[in-house]
Amino acid sequence: MAVAMLGCLAAMNACIPGGDPSPKRQVDLVGEWVTDYPEEGTFDEMPYDRVVEHYAFFIDNTGYYELFLLKGEQLVGAEYVRGPEGKFKYQMLVTGDIGVMHSYEDYWPMKLTNGVLLDPEELVYHRATEEMKAQMTTWANCLTPGWLAEKLMGKWMIADIDDKPTPTNRKTVLTFVSATKAFMSRAFDKPDDDKGTPPGPKPDIEPGQGQGPKPAPGPKKPGWEDSEEFDVTIQGNQVALKKVKEGRSQMASVYLILDITNTDFICSFTLPEPPRGPEGDEGGKEAKDERQRFEKIEDDYEQAIVGLWEGRSTGEHSEFDDGENHRWEYFSDGTFHYYEKVNGEWQQSKDEFADYFVDGVLLCTRWKNVGENTVVNREWWEIASINEGVMKWTALRQREDGSTYITTFEMKEIERP
C-alpha cells in the first residue's frame, strides 16, 4: 500500500509546474534545513508569533524533525521527533522532487530546487548555518527542566556587545548561584560626585550555594554595583533578573539565551525603561536591545589583590600614568590607599575617599581628591594574572572617535613598611 501511495505521489509531483529538471541524488539532501515563518497562536496558554521548523537528513536516508514556537526569540513551546524512535525516512521520487516520510508513515512532497527545499505550501527551507544549529540545539535543551540553570551556574563576564569587543568600562559580571538567585557587578563610566558608603564584606558566593553575609548597609551610588543581589526567573531560554526593593518594583534585565557552552553564552539582552511614577511601574519601552556574549570566568582575584603593590603602565599609557612607579595598597574592606614618591619619600594621597571592588577578574576603582571642585575619578581593569608576587592588568579603552586600544599594567607585591 505504501508503494502505491508513493507512486501516486510521484505522479502528482511530476505535474507540479516549475520543477527543477536537473538530476538529484539522495546525498544532495544530506544536511540540516531550517525555515522561519509567522504563525500566531497559543501554547500552554502562552502566545507565540513565530514558528521555526528544522529538518536534518543523513547519508543513511534517515533524519529528525523539530518544531519550535517562539515569541520574539523566547522559546514558548516545541515538539520534536529525534533519535532511534523518531527517525525519518526519505526517498527520491522523481527528478527534482523529494518525498519525506517520518516514523508515523505520514509523508509529503518537497522539491529540491537551486539548493533550497520547497514544500507544497511554498515555504522555503535553507541549509542551517552553524549559528542557527547551535541556537536550535540550545532551544531543544531548554525543554529539559533545570538544564539551562545548571549550565548557567558560576561566574560570567561580558566579552562582546553587538559582535564588538566590550570596553573594560562597560563590563558586567554575573554570578549565578542557583536557579533563582544571581549577583551582578558593574561600574558605569558616568560621574558619581558624592562619596558612597565604603563597601563592607562581600557575600561569600560559591556556585550552587546561597548568599553569605550581606554587605554593610548604606546607599549605593548610581553606576557602582558590587555583587548586587537579583532574583532569577528562567522560562524556556529566557532568563530574567529582577531586583525588588521594599514598596517598589524594579525593572527586569532579560537575557534570551541563543547559544551556551561550557565557556561562553550568546544572548539577546533587553532592558525596559526605568520605572516611572510613584508606584514604580515598569516602563513600557525597551531602553536597550543588544546582542551580548559572556565568557565563563574561572579565576577570582578578590582575596589575592589584598596587599601593597608597586608598578606602572607597561603598554599604552593609562589616563593617570606619569611614567613613574606608584603604589597601591588594597584592603579587604574595599578601600585602597594610593602613594607617590615625593623627594625620595613615599607619601599617601590625600583623598576624600578611594574605593574598589574585584569580582572575578574585573577590577573597578573610584577616588576623589580632597579640595574644592574635585570630581570622582574612575578606572577599570581586568586582572590578567596574579602569580608569584607579580600582578598584571589589561584593559580595552575606547577613544572619543570610537577607536579602541589595549593598555596594560604590571606591579610587584612588596612588604608593608
Protein backbone atom coordinates (compact mmCIF):
# COMPACT_ATOMS: atom_id res chain seq x y z
CA MET A 1 0.00 0.00 0.00
CA ALA A 2 2.82 2.37 0.88
CA VAL A 3 4.42 1.65 -2.53
CA ALA A 4 1.18 2.51 -4.33
CA MET A 5 0.82 5.73 -2.37
CA LEU A 6 4.36 6.73 -3.26
CA GLY A 7 3.66 6.02 -6.89
CA CYS A 8 0.62 8.29 -6.82
CA LEU A 9 2.64 10.93 -5.07
CA ALA A 10 5.35 10.72 -7.71
CA ALA A 11 2.77 11.18 -10.45
CA MET A 12 1.32 14.18 -8.66
CA ASN A 13 4.75 15.76 -8.22
CA ALA A 14 5.60 15.27 -11.87
CA CYS A 15 2.71 17.58 -12.72
CA ILE A 16 3.89 20.38 -10.45
CA PRO A 17 4.98 23.22 -12.76
CA GLY A 18 8.34 24.84 -12.30
CA GLY A 19 10.13 21.71 -11.06
CA ASP A 20 13.90 21.59 -11.35
CA PRO A 21 14.70 19.16 -14.22
CA SER A 22 18.35 18.67 -13.20
CA PRO A 23 19.21 15.23 -11.76
CA LYS A 24 19.20 14.95 -7.99
CA ARG A 25 20.88 12.45 -5.73
CA GLN A 26 19.96 11.45 -2.23
CA VAL A 27 23.23 12.91 -1.00
CA ASP A 28 22.08 16.34 -2.19
CA LEU A 29 19.55 16.33 0.63
CA VAL A 30 22.02 15.41 3.37
CA GLY A 31 22.40 18.21 5.91
CA GLU A 32 20.27 20.42 8.12
CA TRP A 33 17.48 22.64 6.86
CA VAL A 34 15.53 25.39 8.56
CA THR A 35 12.68 27.77 7.83
CA ASP A 36 11.19 30.58 9.90
CA TYR A 37 7.66 31.87 9.35
CA PRO A 38 4.91 33.69 11.29
CA GLU A 39 2.01 31.68 12.64
CA GLU A 40 0.35 33.23 15.66
CA GLY A 41 -1.27 31.00 18.25
CA THR A 42 -1.06 29.81 21.84
CA PHE A 43 0.87 27.02 23.51
CA ASP A 44 0.18 26.06 27.14
CA GLU A 45 -1.69 29.39 27.44
CA MET A 46 1.38 31.28 26.21
CA PRO A 47 1.08 33.25 22.95
CA TYR A 48 3.58 32.67 20.17
CA ASP A 49 4.08 34.52 16.90
CA ARG A 50 6.83 32.58 15.10
CA VAL A 51 7.48 29.02 14.04
CA VAL A 52 10.89 27.59 13.24
CA GLU A 53 10.98 24.21 11.53
CA HIS A 54 14.19 22.23 11.43
CA TYR A 55 14.97 19.06 9.48
CA ALA A 56 18.15 17.02 9.41
CA PHE A 57 18.81 14.29 6.83
CA PHE A 58 21.69 11.83 6.94
CA ILE A 59 23.54 9.70 4.42
CA ASP A 60 21.66 6.57 5.57
CA ASN A 61 18.35 8.13 4.44
CA THR A 62 17.20 8.88 7.98
CA GLY A 63 16.75 12.16 9.80
CA TYR A 64 14.92 14.03 12.52
CA TYR A 65 12.42 16.86 12.77
CA GLU A 66 11.96 19.71 15.27
CA LEU A 67 9.38 22.48 15.50
CA PHE A 68 9.93 25.50 17.78
CA LEU A 69 7.27 28.01 18.80
CA LEU A 70 8.66 31.45 19.65
CA LYS A 71 7.56 34.82 20.97
CA GLY A 72 10.22 37.02 19.50
CA GLU A 73 13.27 34.91 20.38
CA GLN A 74 11.79 33.42 23.55
CA LEU A 75 11.03 29.70 23.38
CA VAL A 76 7.42 29.12 24.46
CA GLY A 77 6.92 25.59 23.18
CA ALA A 78 8.26 22.91 20.90
CA GLU A 79 7.73 19.43 19.58
CA TYR A 80 10.36 17.22 18.10
CA VAL A 81 10.98 13.75 16.83
CA ARG A 82 14.59 12.65 17.03
CA GLY A 83 16.66 9.65 17.95
CA PRO A 84 16.07 5.96 17.10
CA GLU A 85 12.30 6.09 17.70
CA GLY A 86 11.72 9.21 15.65
CA LYS A 87 13.84 8.78 12.55
CA PHE A 88 12.54 9.99 9.22
CA LYS A 89 12.87 8.05 6.02
CA TYR A 90 13.17 9.96 2.77
CA GLN A 91 13.25 8.85 -0.83
CA MET A 92 13.83 10.48 -4.20
CA LEU A 93 10.52 10.13 -6.07
CA VAL A 94 11.02 11.77 -9.46
CA THR A 95 13.64 14.09 -10.87
CA GLY A 96 13.72 17.24 -8.79
CA ASP A 97 11.21 16.06 -6.18
CA ILE A 98 11.68 14.51 -2.77
CA GLY A 99 9.20 12.72 -0.56
CA VAL A 100 9.78 12.94 3.18
CA MET A 101 8.28 10.30 5.47
CA HIS A 102 8.53 10.09 9.26
CA SER A 103 8.05 7.20 11.64
CA TYR A 104 4.24 7.50 11.70
CA GLU A 105 4.07 6.93 7.90
CA ASP A 106 2.87 10.44 7.16
CA TYR A 107 4.54 11.86 4.07
CA TRP A 108 4.53 14.94 1.88
CA PRO A 109 6.29 16.06 -1.27
CA MET A 110 9.18 18.53 -1.20
CA LYS A 111 11.19 19.87 -4.12
CA LEU A 112 14.95 20.44 -4.10
CA THR A 113 15.47 23.44 -6.37
CA ASN A 114 18.56 25.60 -6.70
CA GLY A 115 19.94 24.42 -3.39
CA VAL A 116 16.79 25.08 -1.33
CA LEU A 117 13.89 22.88 -0.26
CA LEU A 118 10.36 23.89 -1.23
CA ASP A 119 7.27 22.27 0.24
CA PRO A 120 3.78 22.35 -1.34
CA GLU A 121 2.89 25.43 0.74
CA GLU A 122 5.84 27.23 -0.91
CA LEU A 123 7.74 27.52 2.34
CA VAL A 124 11.45 27.79 1.67
CA TYR A 125 13.95 25.77 3.72
CA HIS A 126 17.57 26.92 3.67
CA ARG A 127 20.57 24.98 4.87
CA ALA A 128 21.09 25.83 8.53
CA THR A 129 24.16 27.87 9.42
CA GLU A 130 26.41 26.80 12.28
CA GLU A 131 24.97 29.63 14.38
CA MET A 132 21.39 28.52 13.71
CA LYS A 133 22.24 24.90 14.51
CA ALA A 134 23.76 25.98 17.83
CA GLN A 135 20.70 28.09 18.59
CA MET A 136 18.31 25.22 17.87
CA THR A 137 20.39 22.85 19.99
CA THR A 138 20.06 25.33 22.85
CA TRP A 139 16.29 25.62 22.31
CA ALA A 140 15.90 21.84 22.35
CA ASN A 141 17.98 21.51 25.52
CA CYS A 142 15.96 24.25 27.20
CA LEU A 143 12.97 21.93 27.10
CA THR A 144 14.68 19.81 29.76
CA PRO A 145 13.77 21.19 33.21
CA GLY A 146 16.77 22.61 35.02
CA TRP A 147 19.15 22.21 32.07
CA LEU A 148 19.74 25.92 31.48
CA ALA A 149 20.00 26.72 35.19
CA GLU A 150 22.69 24.05 35.57
CA LYS A 151 24.64 25.40 32.57
CA LEU A 152 24.50 28.95 33.97
CA MET A 153 25.95 28.14 37.38
CA GLY A 154 29.15 30.07 38.05
CA LYS A 155 30.65 33.42 37.09
CA TRP A 156 30.41 35.09 33.66
CA MET A 157 31.78 38.37 32.30
CA ILE A 158 30.58 40.17 29.20
CA ALA A 159 33.02 39.98 26.28
CA ASP A 160 31.18 41.35 23.21
CA ILE A 161 28.26 43.69 22.56
CA ASP A 162 26.70 43.56 19.10
CA ASP A 163 29.68 41.49 17.92
CA LYS A 164 32.21 44.15 19.02
CA PRO A 165 34.66 43.70 21.92
CA THR A 166 33.32 45.39 25.06
CA PRO A 167 35.44 48.21 26.52
CA THR A 168 36.51 47.40 30.06
CA ASN A 169 34.45 50.27 31.48
CA ARG A 170 31.29 48.56 30.21
CA LYS A 171 32.00 45.16 31.68
CA THR A 172 29.32 43.32 33.65
CA VAL A 173 29.93 40.25 35.79
CA LEU A 174 27.07 37.83 36.52
CA THR A 175 27.36 35.10 39.14
CA PHE A 176 24.58 32.51 39.17
CA VAL A 177 24.44 30.65 42.49
CA SER A 178 21.10 28.85 41.99
CA ALA A 179 18.16 28.63 39.61
CA THR A 180 16.53 31.57 41.41
CA LYS A 181 19.43 33.75 42.61
CA ALA A 182 22.28 35.67 40.98
CA PHE A 183 24.64 38.55 41.73
CA MET A 184 25.67 41.35 39.38
CA SER A 185 28.71 43.63 39.45
CA ARG A 186 29.38 46.57 37.15
CA ALA A 187 30.75 50.10 37.29
CA PHE A 188 29.49 52.52 34.68
CA ASP A 189 31.50 55.34 33.16
CA LYS A 190 29.31 58.16 34.40
CA PRO A 191 30.07 60.74 37.11
CA ASP A 192 29.44 59.96 40.73
CA ASP A 193 30.41 63.11 42.60
CA ASP A 194 29.22 62.12 46.07
CA LYS A 195 31.08 59.81 48.35
CA GLY A 196 29.31 56.49 48.68
CA THR A 197 29.47 54.36 51.78
CA PRO A 198 32.69 52.31 51.59
CA PRO A 199 31.75 48.73 50.77
CA GLY A 200 31.67 46.24 53.61
CA PRO A 201 32.39 42.50 53.45
CA LYS A 202 31.14 40.99 50.21
CA PRO A 203 28.83 37.96 50.12
CA ASP A 204 30.60 34.62 50.27
CA ILE A 205 29.45 33.41 46.86
CA GLU A 206 30.03 29.86 45.72
CA PRO A 207 28.23 28.35 42.71
CA GLY A 208 25.28 26.30 43.91
CA GLN A 209 25.37 27.86 47.40
CA GLY A 210 23.23 30.54 48.98
CA GLN A 211 24.25 34.07 49.82
CA GLY A 212 26.73 34.66 52.63
CA PRO A 213 26.91 37.72 54.90
CA LYS A 214 25.21 40.78 53.50
CA PRO A 215 27.34 43.82 52.62
CA ALA A 216 27.45 46.63 55.14
CA PRO A 217 24.30 48.80 54.85
CA GLY A 218 24.48 52.10 53.06
CA PRO A 219 23.32 53.79 49.85
CA LYS A 220 24.60 52.51 46.56
CA LYS A 221 25.56 55.32 44.23
CA PRO A 222 24.48 55.19 40.57
CA GLY A 223 26.82 53.23 38.38
CA TRP A 224 28.51 51.24 41.17
CA GLU A 225 27.16 47.75 41.75
CA ASP A 226 29.30 45.42 43.84
CA SER A 227 27.67 41.97 43.89
CA GLU A 228 24.10 43.30 43.89
CA GLU A 229 21.58 40.54 44.51
CA PHE A 230 18.92 39.67 41.89
CA ASP A 231 16.04 37.23 41.73
CA VAL A 232 16.23 34.94 38.70
CA THR A 233 13.34 33.52 36.67
CA ILE A 234 14.14 31.00 33.92
CA GLN A 235 11.43 30.21 31.38
CA GLY A 236 12.50 28.24 28.32
CA ASN A 237 15.53 30.13 27.00
CA GLN A 238 14.54 33.37 28.74
CA VAL A 239 16.48 34.38 31.86
CA ALA A 240 15.07 37.39 33.74
CA LEU A 241 16.99 39.13 36.53
CA LYS A 242 14.84 41.31 38.73
CA LYS A 243 15.55 43.25 41.89
CA VAL A 244 12.62 44.12 44.15
CA LYS A 245 13.10 46.75 46.82
CA GLU A 246 10.63 47.41 49.57
CA GLY A 247 7.50 49.00 48.18
CA ARG A 248 8.86 49.38 44.67
CA SER A 249 9.07 47.02 41.74
CA GLN A 250 12.32 47.24 39.83
CA MET A 251 12.77 46.68 36.10
CA ALA A 252 14.00 43.29 34.95
CA SER A 253 17.02 42.62 32.78
CA VAL A 254 16.11 39.92 30.25
CA TYR A 255 18.70 37.63 28.67
CA LEU A 256 17.38 35.41 25.86
CA ILE A 257 19.94 32.62 25.60
CA LEU A 258 20.64 31.80 21.95
CA ASP A 259 23.66 29.55 22.49
CA ILE A 260 25.54 28.33 25.55
CA THR A 261 28.61 26.15 26.04
CA ASN A 262 30.90 25.43 28.97
CA THR A 263 32.98 28.51 28.10
CA ASP A 264 30.58 31.18 26.85
CA PHE A 265 26.98 32.07 26.03
CA ILE A 266 25.35 34.33 23.46
CA CYS A 267 22.15 36.17 24.28
CA SER A 268 19.77 38.88 23.16
CA PHE A 269 19.68 41.39 26.01
CA THR A 270 16.79 43.79 26.65
CA LEU A 271 16.23 46.28 29.44
CA PRO A 272 12.97 48.25 29.82
CA GLU A 273 12.87 51.94 30.59
CA PRO A 274 13.41 52.89 34.23
CA PRO A 275 10.33 52.75 36.48
CA ARG A 276 8.03 55.75 36.34
CA GLY A 277 5.55 57.28 38.72
CA PRO A 278 5.02 56.84 42.47
CA GLU A 279 4.12 53.16 42.10
CA GLY A 280 7.38 52.39 40.35
CA ASP A 281 5.64 50.74 37.40
CA GLU A 282 7.95 49.35 34.78
CA GLY A 283 8.43 51.36 31.62
CA GLY A 284 6.66 50.14 28.52
CA LYS A 285 9.57 50.50 26.11
CA GLU A 286 12.95 48.88 25.83
CA ALA A 287 15.83 51.24 26.55
CA LYS A 288 18.40 48.68 25.47
CA ASP A 289 18.37 45.90 22.94
CA GLU A 290 21.77 44.29 22.42
CA ARG A 291 23.35 41.06 21.31
CA GLN A 292 25.81 40.07 24.01
CA ARG A 293 28.39 37.36 24.53
CA PHE A 294 29.57 36.36 28.00
CA GLU A 295 32.66 34.31 28.84
CA LYS A 296 32.97 31.90 31.78
CA ILE A 297 35.34 33.21 34.46
CA GLU A 298 37.25 30.60 36.44
CA ASP A 299 39.65 32.92 38.30
CA ASP A 300 38.61 35.18 41.19
CA TYR A 301 41.23 37.61 42.49
CA GLU A 302 39.14 39.27 45.23
CA GLN A 303 41.40 37.98 48.00
CA ALA A 304 44.68 37.79 46.07
CA ILE A 305 44.73 41.55 45.37
CA VAL A 306 44.82 42.47 49.06
CA GLY A 307 48.28 43.85 49.90
CA LEU A 308 50.78 46.56 48.90
CA TRP A 309 51.80 46.75 45.23
CA GLU A 310 54.21 48.91 43.23
CA GLY A 311 54.26 49.40 39.47
CA ARG A 312 53.18 51.36 36.42
CA SER A 313 51.79 51.12 32.90
CA THR A 314 53.57 48.72 30.56
CA GLY A 315 51.60 49.47 27.41
CA GLU A 316 49.80 52.50 26.03
CA HIS A 317 49.52 54.95 28.87
CA SER A 318 46.70 54.99 31.34
CA GLU A 319 44.91 58.31 31.67
CA PHE A 320 46.61 58.76 35.04
CA ASP A 321 50.11 57.42 34.20
CA ASP A 322 53.11 59.75 34.51
CA GLY A 323 55.84 57.27 33.64
CA GLU A 324 56.86 56.70 37.26
CA ASN A 325 56.23 53.84 39.66
CA HIS A 326 53.46 54.34 42.20
CA ARG A 327 52.00 52.24 45.00
CA TRP A 328 48.53 50.96 45.73
CA GLU A 329 47.55 49.30 48.97
CA TYR A 330 44.34 47.29 48.76
CA PHE A 331 42.42 46.43 51.93
CA SER A 332 39.85 43.68 52.43
CA ASP A 333 37.10 46.21 53.28
CA GLY A 334 37.00 47.52 49.70
CA THR A 335 39.14 50.63 50.22
CA PHE A 336 42.65 51.42 49.00
CA HIS A 337 45.50 53.87 49.58
CA TYR A 338 47.49 55.46 46.78
CA TYR A 339 51.13 56.54 47.24
CA GLU A 340 53.55 58.57 45.16
CA LYS A 341 57.19 59.42 45.75
CA VAL A 342 57.98 62.98 46.78
CA ASN A 343 61.61 63.94 47.42
CA GLY A 344 62.52 60.30 47.73
CA GLU A 345 59.79 59.52 50.28
CA TRP A 346 56.52 57.66 49.71
CA GLN A 347 53.55 59.87 50.56
CA GLN A 348 49.90 58.85 50.73
CA SER A 349 47.50 60.81 48.56
CA LYS A 350 45.03 62.99 50.46
CA ASP A 351 41.82 61.57 49.05
CA GLU A 352 38.31 62.23 50.27
CA PHE A 353 37.67 58.57 49.55
CA ALA A 354 39.13 55.71 47.50
CA ASP A 355 37.01 52.57 46.88
CA TYR A 356 37.45 49.48 44.76
CA PHE A 357 35.98 46.05 44.19
CA VAL A 358 37.09 42.89 42.41
CA ASP A 359 34.60 40.41 41.00
CA GLY A 360 36.30 37.53 39.25
CA VAL A 361 38.89 39.32 37.13
CA LEU A 362 37.14 42.70 36.91
CA LEU A 363 38.73 45.47 39.00
CA CYS A 364 36.75 48.69 39.40
CA THR A 365 38.17 51.71 41.26
CA ARG A 366 36.96 55.21 42.11
CA TRP A 367 38.51 58.01 44.15
CA LYS A 368 38.02 61.69 44.90
CA ASN A 369 40.82 64.06 45.85
CA VAL A 370 40.47 66.46 48.75
CA GLY A 371 39.74 70.03 47.68
CA GLU A 372 37.13 72.24 46.09
CA ASN A 373 35.58 71.47 42.70
CA THR A 374 37.11 68.00 42.61
CA VAL A 375 35.32 65.20 40.79
CA VAL A 376 35.23 61.46 41.19
CA ASN A 377 37.83 59.67 39.09
CA ARG A 378 37.32 56.13 37.87
CA GLU A 379 39.47 53.46 36.32
CA TRP A 380 38.64 49.90 35.24
CA TRP A 381 40.96 46.96 34.64
CA GLU A 382 40.84 43.24 34.00
CA ILE A 383 43.30 41.30 36.12
CA ALA A 384 45.18 39.06 33.69
CA SER A 385 47.09 37.20 36.40
CA ILE A 386 48.47 37.28 39.93
CA ASN A 387 51.38 34.88 40.14
CA GLU A 388 54.48 34.70 42.34
CA GLY A 389 54.10 38.25 43.61
CA VAL A 390 53.51 39.80 40.17
CA MET A 391 50.13 41.24 39.16
CA LYS A 392 49.30 42.04 35.54
CA TRP A 393 46.34 44.07 34.31
CA THR A 394 44.89 44.68 30.86
CA ALA A 395 42.10 46.92 29.60
CA LEU A 396 40.36 47.75 26.36
CA ARG A 397 39.90 51.53 26.12
CA GLN A 398 37.76 53.49 23.69
CA ARG A 399 38.69 56.90 22.36
CA GLU A 400 36.20 59.69 21.68
CA ASP A 401 36.28 58.89 17.95
CA GLY A 402 35.18 55.31 18.70
CA SER A 403 38.53 53.64 18.02
CA THR A 404 39.90 51.30 20.66
CA TYR A 405 43.29 50.31 22.04
CA ILE A 406 44.63 47.92 24.65
CA THR A 407 46.66 49.13 27.61
CA THR A 408 48.48 47.04 30.18
CA PHE A 409 49.84 47.44 33.69
CA GLU A 410 52.27 45.46 35.84
CA MET A 411 53.19 45.70 39.52
CA LYS A 412 55.04 43.71 42.13
CA GLU A 413 53.92 42.96 45.66
CA ILE A 414 56.12 44.47 48.35
CA GLU A 415 56.21 44.19 52.11
CA ARG A 416 54.42 46.86 54.07
CA PRO A 417 56.89 49.21 55.74
